[in-house]
Amino acid sequence: MQNVIEKKNIKNIDFNCDLAQSFGIYKNSSEYSLLDYVSSVNIACGFHAGDPLAIKEALLAAKDRNVVVGAHIGYDDIQGFGYRPVDMDEDELEALVMYQVGALMTFAKSYNMEIEHVRPHGAMYRKAMEDIDVSRTIAKAIKKCSQWLVYYGASGENLATVGEELNIQVAHEVHLEKIYDESGNIIFSAKDLENTDISISRLKDLLHNSRVTNNIGSKTIVEADTIHFSNKLANAKELIIRANEIVSPLPYNYKNAMKSGWVD
């Protein structure tokens, strides 16, 4: 009964996770464990991970469960799993993004699917959070692929500013295991939390009060449209199961697409 009451009093929110994070003989055996509990998935496009067969399997698995699909883009860094920063000029970065998004869009259409969003990975995700010019270039490239795509990024002022400047939908993403500073930015050098009770407490505070606990123990207000769940955490499945008991996730783009009038 308590869960029912809680669900009536909180905002809608998307849960997302990554798929196709394999390449050749290097398989990610745990990534599908979260698929039944999310409302959207980010499919690696072949640069940081994701060979063609892994991409196909991820698309079909998402389609089977009626889960929203997005492109998970990264730097061309298979060996470093996209975690190493790469210096690129604007034209190079734009082309890199469009190449990956376009590949997944075409792949998806062959199975009568459409991709709904784009989420940077690893070093690109961090760079976009820290450098508004990088974030702006990514957003421009996404919009050139389709004006309806949503740009998923780390919650914060940079993402909001880019969305307003370019008139592109953005989804502010929050992590339950990450450590945040007083400004609401992720501290990437800090060790991730793997305590389910603490993460669930954070989820409730986020849903009811739009707050995250920061590194000095106080609270910071953040935008939150989607929550990322990482299968790299030892408690990943336990956490997402308990999160589903608190709130039933809904895909971000469907809500906004319906408001815009371009779908029924």
Protein backbone atom coordinates (compact mmCIF):
# COMPACT_ATOMS: atom_id res chain seq x y z
CA MET A 1 0.00 0.00 0.00
CA GLN A 2 2.84 2.39 0.80
CA ASN A 3 4.37 1.96 -2.68
CA VAL A 4 1.01 2.70 -4.31
CA ILE A 5 0.72 5.95 -2.35
CA GLU A 6 4.28 6.95 -3.21
CA LYS A 7 3.72 6.35 -6.93
CA LYS A 8 0.74 8.71 -6.96
CA ASN A 9 2.75 11.59 -5.57
CA ILE A 10 5.89 11.60 -7.70
CA LYS A 11 6.86 12.78 -11.15
CA ASN A 12 7.17 10.57 -14.20
CA ILE A 13 10.72 9.60 -15.00
CA ASP A 14 12.62 7.45 -17.48
CA PHE A 15 15.02 4.65 -16.50
CA ASN A 16 17.77 3.93 -19.04
CA CYS A 17 20.63 1.45 -19.41
CA ASP A 18 23.28 0.61 -22.01
CA LEU A 19 23.23 -2.33 -24.42
CA ALA A 20 25.52 -3.79 -27.13
CA GLN A 21 28.53 -3.05 -24.94
CA SER A 22 30.39 -5.99 -26.49
CA PHE A 23 32.78 -6.40 -29.38
CA GLY A 24 33.80 -9.63 -31.11
CA ILE A 25 34.82 -12.24 -28.55
CA TYR A 26 34.56 -9.72 -25.71
CA LYS A 27 31.02 -10.18 -24.41
CA ASN A 28 29.18 -8.30 -21.71
CA SER A 29 27.27 -11.09 -20.02
CA SER A 30 25.45 -8.90 -17.50
CA GLU A 31 24.00 -6.06 -19.59
CA TYR A 32 20.67 -7.76 -20.39
CA SER A 33 19.93 -8.27 -16.68
CA LEU A 34 18.51 -4.73 -16.48
CA LEU A 35 16.46 -4.73 -19.69
CA ASP A 36 13.18 -5.84 -18.10
CA TYR A 37 13.26 -2.89 -15.68
CA VAL A 38 14.02 0.12 -17.92
CA SER A 39 11.91 2.25 -20.25
CA SER A 40 14.74 3.12 -22.66
CA VAL A 41 18.06 1.67 -23.78
CA ASN A 42 21.19 3.18 -25.29
CA ILE A 43 22.73 0.97 -27.96
CA ALA A 44 26.47 1.24 -28.60
CA CYS A 45 27.15 2.17 -32.22
CA GLY A 46 30.48 0.44 -32.90
CA PHE A 47 33.08 2.99 -31.83
CA HIS A 48 33.60 2.44 -28.11
CA ALA A 49 31.77 -0.92 -28.30
CA GLY A 50 29.04 -2.66 -30.27
CA ASP A 51 29.79 -4.84 -33.27
CA PRO A 52 27.04 -5.35 -35.89
CA LEU A 53 25.74 -8.59 -34.37
CA ALA A 54 25.66 -7.11 -30.86
CA ILE A 55 23.73 -4.13 -32.22
CA LYS A 56 21.21 -6.37 -33.99
CA GLU A 57 20.66 -8.48 -30.88
CA ALA A 58 20.15 -5.36 -28.75
CA LEU A 59 17.66 -3.84 -31.17
CA LEU A 60 15.58 -7.01 -31.36
CA ALA A 61 15.64 -7.49 -27.59
CA ALA A 62 14.42 -3.93 -27.08
CA LYS A 63 11.72 -4.36 -29.72
CA ASP A 64 10.54 -7.59 -28.08
CA ARG A 65 10.04 -5.72 -24.79
CA ASN A 66 8.65 -2.53 -26.38
CA VAL A 67 11.48 -0.46 -24.90
CA VAL A 68 12.52 2.88 -26.41
CA VAL A 69 15.84 2.76 -28.31
CA GLY A 70 18.58 5.36 -28.49
CA ALA A 71 22.10 5.67 -29.90
CA HIS A 72 24.99 5.36 -27.45
CA ILE A 73 27.78 7.32 -29.11
CA GLY A 74 31.43 7.58 -28.12
CA TYR A 75 34.95 8.33 -29.22
CA ASP A 76 36.68 5.90 -31.59
CA ASP A 77 38.36 4.02 -28.76
CA ILE A 78 37.60 0.28 -28.69
CA GLN A 79 40.78 -0.48 -26.72
CA GLY A 80 39.92 2.05 -24.00
CA PHE A 81 36.17 1.38 -24.07
CA GLY A 82 35.61 5.05 -24.85
CA TYR A 83 36.90 6.21 -21.49
CA ARG A 84 39.92 8.07 -22.87
CA PRO A 85 39.43 11.68 -24.02
CA VAL A 86 40.11 12.46 -27.68
CA ASP A 87 40.83 15.97 -28.92
CA MET A 88 38.75 16.73 -32.01
CA ASP A 89 37.83 19.89 -33.85
CA GLU A 90 34.18 20.78 -34.39
CA ASP A 91 33.90 19.26 -37.86
CA GLU A 92 35.50 15.99 -36.75
CA LEU A 93 33.25 15.64 -33.72
CA GLU A 94 30.12 16.50 -35.67
CA ALA A 95 30.96 13.89 -38.31
CA LEU A 96 31.75 11.29 -35.64
CA VAL A 97 28.37 11.80 -34.00
CA MET A 98 26.39 11.81 -37.25
CA TYR A 99 28.14 8.66 -38.47
CA GLN A 100 27.15 6.70 -35.38
CA VAL A 101 23.61 8.03 -35.11
CA GLY A 102 22.99 7.51 -38.82
CA ALA A 103 24.23 3.94 -38.68
CA LEU A 104 21.89 3.01 -35.84
CA MET A 105 18.95 4.85 -37.42
CA THR A 106 19.33 2.83 -40.62
CA PHE A 107 19.85 -0.41 -38.72
CA ALA A 108 16.72 0.24 -36.65
CA LYS A 109 14.58 1.03 -39.70
CA SER A 110 15.37 -2.38 -41.15
CA TYR A 111 13.40 -3.81 -38.21
CA ASN A 112 10.61 -1.19 -38.45
CA MET A 113 11.98 0.70 -35.46
CA GLU A 114 12.91 4.32 -34.84
CA ILE A 115 15.56 5.61 -32.47
CA GLU A 116 14.28 8.20 -30.00
CA HIS A 117 17.38 9.68 -28.35
CA VAL A 118 21.18 9.97 -28.34
CA ARG A 119 23.39 9.56 -25.27
CA PRO A 120 27.16 10.15 -25.23
CA HIS A 121 29.36 7.57 -23.52
CA GLY A 122 32.34 7.73 -21.19
CA ALA A 123 34.87 10.45 -21.99
CA MET A 124 32.49 12.11 -24.46
CA TYR A 125 29.75 12.27 -21.82
CA ARG A 126 32.14 13.87 -19.33
CA LYS A 127 33.54 16.31 -21.88
CA ALA A 128 30.04 17.41 -22.87
CA MET A 129 29.22 18.08 -19.21
CA GLU A 130 32.37 20.14 -18.69
CA ASP A 131 32.70 21.95 -22.04
CA ILE A 132 29.62 23.66 -23.47
CA ASP A 133 31.24 23.97 -26.92
CA VAL A 134 31.58 20.18 -27.11
CA SER A 135 28.01 19.76 -25.92
CA ARG A 136 26.80 22.29 -28.49
CA THR A 137 28.58 20.45 -31.33
CA ILE A 138 27.06 17.14 -30.26
CA ALA A 139 23.61 18.71 -30.13
CA LYS A 140 24.00 20.27 -33.60
CA ALA A 141 24.99 16.90 -35.04
CA ILE A 142 22.06 15.15 -33.37
CA LYS A 143 19.60 17.71 -34.72
CA LYS A 144 21.00 17.33 -38.25
CA CYS A 145 20.16 13.63 -38.05
CA SER A 146 16.59 14.33 -36.88
CA GLN A 147 14.86 17.26 -35.22
CA TRP A 148 12.85 14.82 -33.09
CA LEU A 149 15.81 13.14 -31.37
CA VAL A 150 16.34 13.84 -27.67
CA TYR A 151 19.83 14.61 -26.41
CA TYR A 152 20.47 12.69 -23.16
CA GLY A 153 23.22 14.26 -21.06
CA ALA A 154 24.44 14.94 -17.55
CA SER A 155 21.95 17.16 -15.74
CA GLY A 156 23.11 20.75 -15.56
CA GLU A 157 23.28 24.25 -16.94
CA ASN A 158 25.32 23.34 -20.03
CA LEU A 159 22.71 20.87 -21.25
CA ALA A 160 19.84 23.28 -20.57
CA THR A 161 21.61 26.14 -22.37
CA VAL A 162 22.35 24.03 -25.45
CA GLY A 163 18.75 22.83 -25.57
CA GLU A 164 17.43 26.39 -25.51
CA GLU A 165 19.98 27.74 -28.01
CA LEU A 166 19.39 25.02 -30.60
CA ASN A 167 15.73 24.29 -29.89
CA ILE A 168 16.46 20.61 -29.34
CA GLN A 169 14.83 18.39 -26.74
CA VAL A 170 17.20 17.48 -23.94
CA ALA A 171 16.79 14.95 -21.12
CA HIS A 172 18.65 15.74 -17.90
CA GLU A 173 20.18 12.53 -16.61
CA VAL A 174 20.96 11.69 -12.98
CA HIS A 175 22.88 8.74 -11.49
CA LEU A 176 21.97 7.27 -8.11
CA GLU A 177 25.50 5.99 -7.48
CA LYS A 178 27.52 9.05 -8.50
CA ILE A 179 28.88 11.73 -6.18
CA TYR A 180 27.77 15.29 -7.00
CA ASP A 181 29.33 18.63 -6.10
CA GLU A 182 27.48 21.67 -4.73
CA SER A 183 26.67 22.85 -8.28
CA GLY A 184 25.05 19.54 -9.19
CA ASN A 185 27.92 18.28 -11.36
CA ILE A 186 29.22 14.72 -11.20
CA ILE A 187 32.60 14.28 -9.53
CA PHE A 188 34.02 11.66 -11.87
CA SER A 189 37.10 11.03 -9.74
CA ALA A 190 34.97 9.91 -6.78
CA LYS A 191 34.22 6.24 -6.15
CA ASP A 192 30.69 5.11 -7.06
CA LEU A 193 28.33 4.14 -4.25
CA GLU A 194 27.20 0.51 -4.21
CA ASN A 195 24.81 0.71 -1.27
CA THR A 196 21.26 -0.05 -2.40
CA ASP A 197 19.56 1.49 0.63
CA ILE A 198 21.39 4.78 0.19
CA SER A 199 20.64 4.85 -3.56
CA ILE A 200 16.93 4.17 -2.95
CA SER A 201 16.84 6.98 -0.40
CA ARG A 202 18.43 9.23 -3.01
CA LEU A 203 15.84 8.15 -5.57
CA LYS A 204 12.96 9.07 -3.26
CA ASP A 205 14.50 12.48 -2.53
CA LEU A 206 15.06 13.06 -6.23
CA LEU A 207 11.49 12.15 -7.18
CA HIS A 208 9.80 14.08 -4.39
CA ASN A 209 12.12 17.07 -4.01
CA SER A 210 14.30 17.20 -7.17
CA ARG A 211 17.42 17.05 -5.00
CA VAL A 212 20.67 15.09 -4.84
CA THR A 213 22.98 14.80 -1.85
CA ASN A 214 26.25 16.58 -2.65
CA ASN A 215 29.83 15.91 -1.55
CA ILE A 216 29.61 18.14 1.52
CA GLY A 217 26.48 16.43 2.83
CA SER A 218 23.92 19.08 1.90
CA LYS A 219 21.32 19.01 -0.90
CA THR A 220 21.48 20.44 -4.42
CA ILE A 221 18.45 20.98 -6.67
CA VAL A 222 18.80 19.29 -10.08
CA GLU A 223 16.72 18.67 -13.17
CA ALA A 224 15.90 14.98 -13.58
CA ASP A 225 14.19 13.52 -16.64
CA THR A 226 15.94 10.15 -16.77
CA ILE A 227 18.01 7.98 -14.44
CA HIS A 228 20.91 5.91 -15.74
CA PHE A 229 21.42 2.42 -14.31
CA SER A 230 24.85 0.87 -14.81
CA ASN A 231 25.30 -2.90 -14.96
CA LYS A 232 28.89 -2.41 -13.78
CA LEU A 233 27.68 -2.05 -10.18
CA ALA A 234 27.66 -5.14 -8.00
CA ASN A 235 24.16 -4.24 -6.77
CA ALA A 236 22.81 -3.15 -10.18
CA LYS A 237 19.92 -5.60 -10.49
CA GLU A 238 18.86 -5.31 -6.85
CA LEU A 239 18.85 -1.53 -7.17
CA ILE A 240 16.78 -1.34 -10.32
CA ILE A 241 14.24 -3.87 -9.03
CA ARG A 242 13.74 -1.83 -5.88
CA ALA A 243 13.59 1.38 -7.94
CA ASN A 244 10.73 -0.11 -9.96
CA GLU A 245 8.86 -0.67 -6.70
CA ILE A 246 9.07 3.08 -6.06
CA VAL A 247 8.11 4.34 -9.52
CA SER A 248 7.08 2.79 -12.84
CA PRO A 249 9.43 4.30 -15.44
CA LEU A 250 8.11 5.96 -18.58
CA PRO A 251 10.08 6.80 -21.75
CA TYR A 252 11.03 10.46 -21.92
CA ASN A 253 10.58 11.09 -25.63
CA TYR A 254 7.08 9.64 -25.90
CA LYS A 255 5.71 12.16 -23.41
CA ASN A 256 7.27 15.11 -25.22
CA ALA A 257 6.46 13.84 -28.69
CA MET A 258 2.80 13.59 -27.74
CA LYS A 259 2.85 17.16 -26.39
CA SER A 260 4.33 18.42 -29.65
CA GLY A 261 1.46 16.96 -31.66
CA TRP A 262 3.55 15.01 -34.17
CA VAL A 263 2.35 11.65 -32.84
CA ASP A 264 -1.00 10.51 -31.45
